[in-house]
Amino acid sequence: MDKIIIYTDGGCRGNPGIGGWGAVLRYGNAWKKLSGFEKNTTNNRMELMAAIKALEALKSDKIQVDLYTDSKYVMNGINDWIVNWKQKNWKTAAKKPVKNVDLWKKLDNLNQKNQVTWHWVKGHSGDEGNDMADLLANQAMDIAKS
């Protein structure tokens, strides 16, 4: 079975402020574009929402996915920090509550349902998939503003 390739991006105008997220899913030659917005949110929440909404769009579980994000917050969180957060009942190393815990729990659940390999890509570097996800997130913010 071929892998599904996903690119995600999120952003915010003001932090907090109007936020948008975008995701591009590719399976073979088929492309699916997703986006959305929130009127009062943060950049990190939008980065998480992009990954969550993309993984929620998968039609079944146990799918092999290569997911590309330009967010080191999402990359480090899902690959490194989340194990300790869960062991410490969703507390940080400083014993403070994990920010955006509602979204981290959703992402963790979706990540475990599928075979996701996470990749970091530099934003605004000419990567086609990242640029498309960025455009979708910005279009969503434009809609939220209007």
N, C-alpha and C. Protein backbone atom coordinates (compact mmCIF):
# COMPACT_ATOMS: atom_id res chain seq x y z
N MET A 1 0.84 -1.19 0.00
CA MET A 1 0.00 0.00 0.00
C MET A 1 0.88 1.25 0.00
N ASP A 2 0.51 2.21 -0.82
CA ASP A 2 1.24 3.46 -0.86
C ASP A 2 0.97 4.27 0.40
N LYS A 3 1.93 5.12 0.73
CA LYS A 3 1.76 6.01 1.86
C LYS A 3 0.95 7.22 1.44
N ILE A 4 0.27 7.79 2.42
CA ILE A 4 -0.36 9.08 2.23
C ILE A 4 0.63 10.13 2.69
N ILE A 5 0.82 11.15 1.88
CA ILE A 5 1.71 12.25 2.21
C ILE A 5 0.83 13.41 2.68
N ILE A 6 1.17 13.98 3.83
CA ILE A 6 0.41 15.11 4.37
C ILE A 6 1.36 16.26 4.65
N TYR A 7 0.94 17.45 4.27
CA TYR A 7 1.64 18.69 4.63
C TYR A 7 0.68 19.53 5.44
N THR A 8 1.14 20.08 6.55
CA THR A 8 0.28 20.90 7.39
C THR A 8 0.96 22.22 7.72
N ASP A 9 0.13 23.22 7.96
CA ASP A 9 0.64 24.51 8.42
C ASP A 9 -0.47 25.25 9.14
N GLY A 10 -0.07 26.06 10.09
CA GLY A 10 -1.00 26.89 10.82
C GLY A 10 -0.37 28.24 11.07
N GLY A 11 -1.20 29.22 11.27
CA GLY A 11 -0.67 30.55 11.52
C GLY A 11 -1.69 31.39 12.25
N CYS A 12 -1.24 32.56 12.66
CA CYS A 12 -2.07 33.46 13.43
C CYS A 12 -1.68 34.89 13.10
N ARG A 13 -2.66 35.75 12.99
CA ARG A 13 -2.42 37.18 12.82
C ARG A 13 -2.71 37.83 14.16
N GLY A 14 -1.62 38.12 14.86
CA GLY A 14 -1.71 38.42 16.28
C GLY A 14 -1.57 37.08 16.98
N ASN A 15 -1.07 37.07 18.17
CA ASN A 15 -0.89 35.79 18.87
C ASN A 15 -1.14 36.02 20.35
N PRO A 16 -2.39 35.93 20.80
CA PRO A 16 -3.56 35.39 20.08
C PRO A 16 -4.15 36.38 19.08
N GLY A 17 -4.93 35.79 18.19
CA GLY A 17 -5.61 36.57 17.17
C GLY A 17 -6.35 35.65 16.23
N ILE A 18 -6.64 36.16 15.02
CA ILE A 18 -7.30 35.35 14.01
C ILE A 18 -6.32 34.30 13.51
N GLY A 19 -6.73 33.05 13.55
CA GLY A 19 -5.84 31.96 13.15
C GLY A 19 -6.44 31.13 12.04
N GLY A 20 -5.55 30.51 11.28
CA GLY A 20 -5.98 29.61 10.22
C GLY A 20 -5.04 28.43 10.13
N TRP A 21 -5.56 27.35 9.59
CA TRP A 21 -4.75 26.15 9.37
C TRP A 21 -5.05 25.62 7.98
N GLY A 22 -4.06 24.93 7.43
CA GLY A 22 -4.23 24.30 6.13
C GLY A 22 -3.54 22.96 6.11
N ALA A 23 -4.08 22.05 5.34
CA ALA A 23 -3.49 20.72 5.19
C ALA A 23 -3.70 20.23 3.76
N VAL A 24 -2.69 19.58 3.26
CA VAL A 24 -2.74 18.99 1.92
C VAL A 24 -2.43 17.51 2.07
N LEU A 25 -3.34 16.66 1.59
CA LEU A 25 -3.15 15.21 1.63
C LEU A 25 -2.94 14.73 0.20
N ARG A 26 -1.95 13.91 0.01
CA ARG A 26 -1.67 13.37 -1.32
C ARG A 26 -1.59 11.85 -1.25
N TYR A 27 -2.35 11.21 -2.12
CA TYR A 27 -2.31 9.76 -2.27
C TYR A 27 -2.18 9.47 -3.75
N GLY A 28 -0.99 9.05 -4.16
CA GLY A 28 -0.75 8.86 -5.59
C GLY A 28 -0.87 10.20 -6.30
N ASN A 29 -1.76 10.27 -7.28
CA ASN A 29 -1.98 11.52 -8.01
C ASN A 29 -3.16 12.32 -7.47
N ALA A 30 -3.83 11.80 -6.44
CA ALA A 30 -5.00 12.48 -5.88
C ALA A 30 -4.56 13.43 -4.76
N TRP A 31 -5.12 14.63 -4.78
CA TRP A 31 -4.82 15.65 -3.77
C TRP A 31 -6.12 16.05 -3.07
N LYS A 32 -6.03 16.29 -1.79
CA LYS A 32 -7.17 16.81 -1.04
C LYS A 32 -6.66 17.98 -0.21
N LYS A 33 -7.38 19.09 -0.27
CA LYS A 33 -6.99 20.28 0.48
C LYS A 33 -8.03 20.56 1.55
N LEU A 34 -7.56 20.86 2.75
CA LEU A 34 -8.42 21.16 3.89
C LEU A 34 -7.96 22.45 4.53
N SER A 35 -8.89 23.21 5.09
CA SER A 35 -8.51 24.41 5.82
C SER A 35 -9.63 24.82 6.76
N GLY A 36 -9.26 25.68 7.70
CA GLY A 36 -10.24 26.19 8.64
C GLY A 36 -9.64 27.35 9.43
N PHE A 37 -10.48 27.97 10.24
CA PHE A 37 -10.00 29.12 11.00
C PHE A 37 -10.68 29.18 12.36
N GLU A 38 -10.10 29.97 13.23
CA GLU A 38 -10.69 30.34 14.51
C GLU A 38 -10.45 31.83 14.68
N LYS A 39 -11.42 32.50 15.27
CA LYS A 39 -11.33 33.96 15.38
C LYS A 39 -10.39 34.41 16.49
N ASN A 40 -10.21 33.63 17.52
CA ASN A 40 -9.35 34.02 18.64
C ASN A 40 -8.56 32.81 19.10
N THR A 41 -7.33 32.70 18.65
CA THR A 41 -6.54 31.50 18.92
C THR A 41 -5.07 31.85 18.90
N THR A 42 -4.23 30.82 18.93
CA THR A 42 -2.78 31.03 18.89
C THR A 42 -2.17 30.26 17.72
N ASN A 43 -0.97 30.65 17.37
CA ASN A 43 -0.23 29.99 16.31
C ASN A 43 -0.06 28.49 16.61
N ASN A 44 0.34 28.17 17.84
CA ASN A 44 0.56 26.77 18.18
C ASN A 44 -0.72 25.94 18.07
N ARG A 45 -1.84 26.51 18.47
CA ARG A 45 -3.11 25.77 18.35
C ARG A 45 -3.44 25.51 16.88
N MET A 46 -3.15 26.46 16.02
CA MET A 46 -3.44 26.27 14.60
C MET A 46 -2.51 25.24 13.97
N GLU A 47 -1.26 25.21 14.39
CA GLU A 47 -0.34 24.17 13.90
C GLU A 47 -0.86 22.79 14.31
N LEU A 48 -1.30 22.66 15.54
CA LEU A 48 -1.85 21.39 16.01
C LEU A 48 -3.14 21.03 15.27
N MET A 49 -4.02 22.01 15.07
CA MET A 49 -5.29 21.75 14.38
C MET A 49 -5.07 21.26 12.96
N ALA A 50 -4.07 21.79 12.29
CA ALA A 50 -3.79 21.35 10.92
C ALA A 50 -3.48 19.86 10.90
N ALA A 51 -2.63 19.41 11.80
CA ALA A 51 -2.28 17.99 11.86
C ALA A 51 -3.47 17.14 12.28
N ILE A 52 -4.23 17.61 13.25
CA ILE A 52 -5.40 16.87 13.73
C ILE A 52 -6.42 16.71 12.60
N LYS A 53 -6.77 17.80 11.95
CA LYS A 53 -7.79 17.74 10.90
C LYS A 53 -7.34 16.87 9.72
N ALA A 54 -6.05 16.92 9.40
CA ALA A 54 -5.55 16.08 8.32
C ALA A 54 -5.67 14.60 8.68
N LEU A 55 -5.27 14.24 9.88
CA LEU A 55 -5.35 12.83 10.30
C LEU A 55 -6.79 12.38 10.48
N GLU A 56 -7.68 13.29 10.91
CA GLU A 56 -9.10 12.94 11.03
C GLU A 56 -9.71 12.67 9.66
N ALA A 57 -9.16 13.24 8.61
CA ALA A 57 -9.70 13.07 7.25
C ALA A 57 -9.38 11.70 6.65
N LEU A 58 -8.48 10.95 7.28
CA LEU A 58 -8.15 9.62 6.75
C LEU A 58 -9.37 8.72 6.89
N LYS A 59 -9.58 7.89 5.88
CA LYS A 59 -10.81 7.09 5.82
C LYS A 59 -10.79 5.83 6.69
N SER A 60 -9.61 5.45 7.17
CA SER A 60 -9.52 4.29 8.05
C SER A 60 -8.31 4.44 8.95
N ASP A 61 -8.13 3.48 9.83
CA ASP A 61 -7.00 3.47 10.74
C ASP A 61 -5.87 2.62 10.16
N LYS A 62 -4.72 2.68 10.80
CA LYS A 62 -3.54 1.88 10.45
C LYS A 62 -3.00 2.23 9.07
N ILE A 63 -3.17 3.48 8.67
CA ILE A 63 -2.67 3.94 7.39
C ILE A 63 -1.24 4.43 7.57
N GLN A 64 -0.39 4.13 6.58
CA GLN A 64 0.97 4.66 6.61
C GLN A 64 0.95 6.09 6.10
N VAL A 65 1.51 6.99 6.92
CA VAL A 65 1.47 8.41 6.63
C VAL A 65 2.86 9.01 6.81
N ASP A 66 3.26 9.83 5.86
CA ASP A 66 4.40 10.73 6.04
C ASP A 66 3.80 12.11 6.23
N LEU A 67 3.95 12.68 7.42
CA LEU A 67 3.38 13.99 7.72
C LEU A 67 4.50 15.01 7.86
N TYR A 68 4.39 16.08 7.07
CA TYR A 68 5.40 17.14 7.05
C TYR A 68 4.81 18.39 7.70
N THR A 69 5.53 18.93 8.67
CA THR A 69 5.14 20.15 9.35
C THR A 69 6.34 21.09 9.43
N ASP A 70 6.06 22.39 9.43
CA ASP A 70 7.15 23.34 9.63
C ASP A 70 7.19 23.82 11.09
N SER A 71 6.42 23.15 11.95
CA SER A 71 6.35 23.54 13.36
C SER A 71 7.24 22.63 14.21
N LYS A 72 8.30 23.21 14.76
CA LYS A 72 9.14 22.44 15.67
C LYS A 72 8.38 22.12 16.96
N TYR A 73 7.43 22.97 17.33
CA TYR A 73 6.58 22.73 18.50
C TYR A 73 5.81 21.41 18.31
N VAL A 74 5.20 21.24 17.15
CA VAL A 74 4.46 20.00 16.89
C VAL A 74 5.42 18.82 16.79
N MET A 75 6.51 18.98 16.05
CA MET A 75 7.49 17.89 15.88
C MET A 75 8.06 17.43 17.22
N ASN A 76 8.55 18.37 18.00
CA ASN A 76 9.15 18.01 19.29
C ASN A 76 8.10 17.45 20.24
N GLY A 77 6.91 18.04 20.21
CA GLY A 77 5.86 17.58 21.11
C GLY A 77 5.46 16.14 20.84
N ILE A 78 5.19 15.81 19.58
CA ILE A 78 4.70 14.46 19.26
C ILE A 78 5.80 13.41 19.30
N ASN A 79 7.03 13.80 18.98
CA ASN A 79 8.13 12.83 18.95
C ASN A 79 8.89 12.70 20.26
N ASP A 80 8.97 13.77 21.04
CA ASP A 80 9.84 13.76 22.21
C ASP A 80 9.11 14.03 23.52
N TRP A 81 8.38 15.12 23.60
CA TRP A 81 7.84 15.57 24.87
C TRP A 81 6.63 14.77 25.36
N ILE A 82 5.82 14.26 24.44
CA ILE A 82 4.52 13.70 24.82
C ILE A 82 4.63 12.48 25.74
N VAL A 83 5.67 11.69 25.57
CA VAL A 83 5.84 10.50 26.44
C VAL A 83 5.95 10.93 27.90
N ASN A 84 6.79 11.93 28.16
CA ASN A 84 6.95 12.41 29.53
C ASN A 84 5.71 13.12 30.03
N TRP A 85 5.07 13.89 29.16
CA TRP A 85 3.84 14.57 29.56
C TRP A 85 2.80 13.56 30.06
N LYS A 86 2.65 12.46 29.33
CA LYS A 86 1.66 11.46 29.72
C LYS A 86 2.06 10.77 31.01
N GLN A 87 3.36 10.48 31.16
CA GLN A 87 3.85 9.84 32.40
C GLN A 87 3.64 10.74 33.60
N LYS A 88 3.68 12.06 33.37
CA LYS A 88 3.54 13.03 34.46
C LYS A 88 2.13 13.62 34.51
N ASN A 89 1.15 12.87 33.99
CA ASN A 89 -0.25 13.29 34.01
C ASN A 89 -0.43 14.66 33.36
N TRP A 90 0.16 14.82 32.16
CA TRP A 90 0.05 16.02 31.34
C TRP A 90 0.60 17.26 32.04
N LYS A 91 1.74 17.05 32.68
CA LYS A 91 2.49 18.16 33.28
C LYS A 91 3.85 18.25 32.59
N THR A 92 4.39 19.46 32.53
CA THR A 92 5.71 19.67 31.94
C THR A 92 6.79 19.28 32.93
N ALA A 93 8.03 19.34 32.49
CA ALA A 93 9.16 19.08 33.37
C ALA A 93 9.17 20.07 34.54
N ALA A 94 8.63 21.26 34.32
CA ALA A 94 8.54 22.27 35.38
C ALA A 94 7.29 22.09 36.24
N LYS A 95 6.61 20.95 36.06
CA LYS A 95 5.40 20.59 36.81
C LYS A 95 4.21 21.54 36.56
N LYS A 96 4.22 22.19 35.42
CA LYS A 96 3.10 23.06 35.03
C LYS A 96 2.22 22.30 34.03
N PRO A 97 0.93 22.64 33.97
CA PRO A 97 0.05 21.97 33.00
C PRO A 97 0.54 22.19 31.56
N VAL A 98 0.46 21.16 30.75
CA VAL A 98 0.83 21.27 29.34
C VAL A 98 -0.16 22.20 28.65
N LYS A 99 0.37 23.17 27.90
CA LYS A 99 -0.50 24.06 27.14
C LYS A 99 -1.11 23.29 25.98
N ASN A 100 -2.34 23.62 25.65
CA ASN A 100 -3.07 23.00 24.53
C ASN A 100 -3.28 21.51 24.73
N VAL A 101 -3.43 21.10 25.98
CA VAL A 101 -3.54 19.67 26.30
C VAL A 101 -4.72 19.02 25.57
N ASP A 102 -5.80 19.76 25.36
CA ASP A 102 -6.95 19.20 24.66
C ASP A 102 -6.56 18.75 23.24
N LEU A 103 -5.78 19.59 22.57
CA LEU A 103 -5.36 19.25 21.21
C LEU A 103 -4.27 18.19 21.20
N TRP A 104 -3.36 18.25 22.16
CA TRP A 104 -2.31 17.22 22.23
C TRP A 104 -2.93 15.84 22.45
N LYS A 105 -3.95 15.74 23.27
CA LYS A 105 -4.60 14.44 23.50
C LYS A 105 -5.24 13.92 22.22
N LYS A 106 -5.90 14.81 21.47
CA LYS A 106 -6.50 14.40 20.19
C LYS A 106 -5.43 13.93 19.20
N LEU A 107 -4.36 14.72 19.11
CA LEU A 107 -3.29 14.37 18.17
C LEU A 107 -2.63 13.05 18.56
N ASP A 108 -2.41 12.85 19.83
CA ASP A 108 -1.82 11.60 20.32
C ASP A 108 -2.69 10.40 19.93
N ASN A 109 -3.98 10.54 20.12
CA ASN A 109 -4.91 9.46 19.78
C ASN A 109 -4.85 9.14 18.28
N LEU A 110 -4.90 10.17 17.45
CA LEU A 110 -4.84 9.97 16.00
C LEU A 110 -3.50 9.42 15.55
N ASN A 111 -2.44 9.87 16.18
CA ASN A 111 -1.09 9.39 15.87
C ASN A 111 -0.96 7.90 16.15
N GLN A 112 -1.58 7.46 17.24
CA GLN A 112 -1.50 6.04 17.61
C GLN A 112 -2.37 5.15 16.73
N LYS A 113 -3.41 5.71 16.13
CA LYS A 113 -4.29 4.93 15.26
C LYS A 113 -3.66 4.61 13.92
N ASN A 114 -2.68 5.40 13.53
CA ASN A 114 -2.06 5.24 12.23
C ASN A 114 -0.56 5.06 12.38
N GLN A 115 0.10 4.80 11.28
CA GLN A 115 1.56 4.64 11.28
C GLN A 115 2.15 5.92 10.70
N VAL A 116 2.27 6.93 11.57
CA VAL A 116 2.69 8.25 11.13
C VAL A 116 4.19 8.42 11.33
N THR A 117 4.87 8.80 10.28
CA THR A 117 6.26 9.22 10.37
C THR A 117 6.26 10.73 10.23
N TRP A 118 6.79 11.41 11.22
CA TRP A 118 6.77 12.87 11.28
C TRP A 118 8.06 13.43 10.69
N HIS A 119 7.90 14.47 9.88
CA HIS A 119 9.04 15.13 9.25
C HIS A 119 8.93 16.64 9.46
N TRP A 120 10.07 17.27 9.70
CA TRP A 120 10.09 18.73 9.77
C TRP A 120 10.59 19.27 8.45
N VAL A 121 9.94 20.31 7.97
CA VAL A 121 10.35 20.99 6.75
C VAL A 121 10.44 22.48 7.06
N LYS A 122 11.45 23.12 6.55
CA LYS A 122 11.61 24.56 6.77
C LYS A 122 10.49 25.30 6.05
N GLY A 123 9.79 26.15 6.77
CA GLY A 123 8.71 26.94 6.19
C GLY A 123 9.24 28.00 5.24
N HIS A 124 8.42 28.35 4.26
CA HIS A 124 8.73 29.41 3.30
C HIS A 124 10.06 29.15 2.59
N SER A 125 10.31 27.88 2.28
CA SER A 125 11.59 27.51 1.65
C SER A 125 11.41 26.96 0.24
N GLY A 126 10.21 27.08 -0.30
CA GLY A 126 9.97 26.61 -1.66
C GLY A 126 9.51 25.16 -1.73
N ASP A 127 9.21 24.54 -0.58
CA ASP A 127 8.67 23.18 -0.58
C ASP A 127 7.21 23.26 -1.03
N GLU A 128 6.86 22.60 -2.14
CA GLU A 128 5.54 22.73 -2.74
C GLU A 128 4.40 22.41 -1.77
N GLY A 129 4.51 21.30 -1.07
CA GLY A 129 3.44 20.91 -0.15
C GLY A 129 3.29 21.89 1.00
N ASN A 130 4.40 22.32 1.58
CA ASN A 130 4.35 23.29 2.68
C ASN A 130 3.80 24.62 2.20
N ASP A 131 4.20 25.03 1.00
CA ASP A 131 3.71 26.30 0.47
C ASP A 131 2.19 26.24 0.24
N MET A 132 1.68 25.09 -0.22
CA MET A 132 0.24 24.94 -0.41
C MET A 132 -0.50 25.00 0.92
N ALA A 133 0.03 24.32 1.94
CA ALA A 133 -0.61 24.33 3.26
C ALA A 133 -0.59 25.74 3.84
N ASP A 134 0.51 26.46 3.64
CA ASP A 134 0.63 27.84 4.11
C ASP A 134 -0.40 28.73 3.42
N LEU A 135 -0.55 28.56 2.11
CA LEU A 135 -1.53 29.35 1.35
C LEU A 135 -2.94 29.08 1.87
N LEU A 136 -3.27 27.82 2.11
CA LEU A 136 -4.59 27.46 2.63
C LEU A 136 -4.84 28.10 4.00
N ALA A 137 -3.83 28.07 4.87
CA ALA A 137 -3.97 28.68 6.20
C ALA A 137 -4.20 30.19 6.07
N ASN A 138 -3.46 30.83 5.18
CA ASN A 138 -3.62 32.28 5.00
C ASN A 138 -4.96 32.63 4.37
N GLN A 139 -5.43 31.80 3.44
CA GLN A 139 -6.76 32.03 2.85
C GLN A 139 -7.84 31.89 3.92
N ALA A 140 -7.68 30.93 4.82
CA ALA A 140 -8.65 30.74 5.90
C ALA A 140 -8.66 31.96 6.83
N MET A 141 -7.48 32.52 7.11
CA MET A 141 -7.43 33.73 7.94
C MET A 141 -8.09 34.90 7.24
N ASP A 142 -7.94 35.00 5.91
CA ASP A 142 -8.60 36.06 5.15
C ASP A 142 -10.12 35.93 5.26
N ILE A 143 -10.62 34.71 5.18
CA ILE A 143 -12.06 34.47 5.30
C ILE A 143 -12.54 34.84 6.70
N ALA A 144 -11.76 34.48 7.72
CA ALA A 144 -12.14 34.78 9.11
C ALA A 144 -12.21 36.29 9.34
N LYS A 145 -11.33 37.01 8.66
CA LYS A 145 -11.24 38.46 8.84
C LYS A 145 -12.40 39.18 8.16
N SER A 146 -12.94 38.58 7.11
CA SER A 146 -13.99 39.28 6.34
C SER A 146 -15.37 39.19 6.97
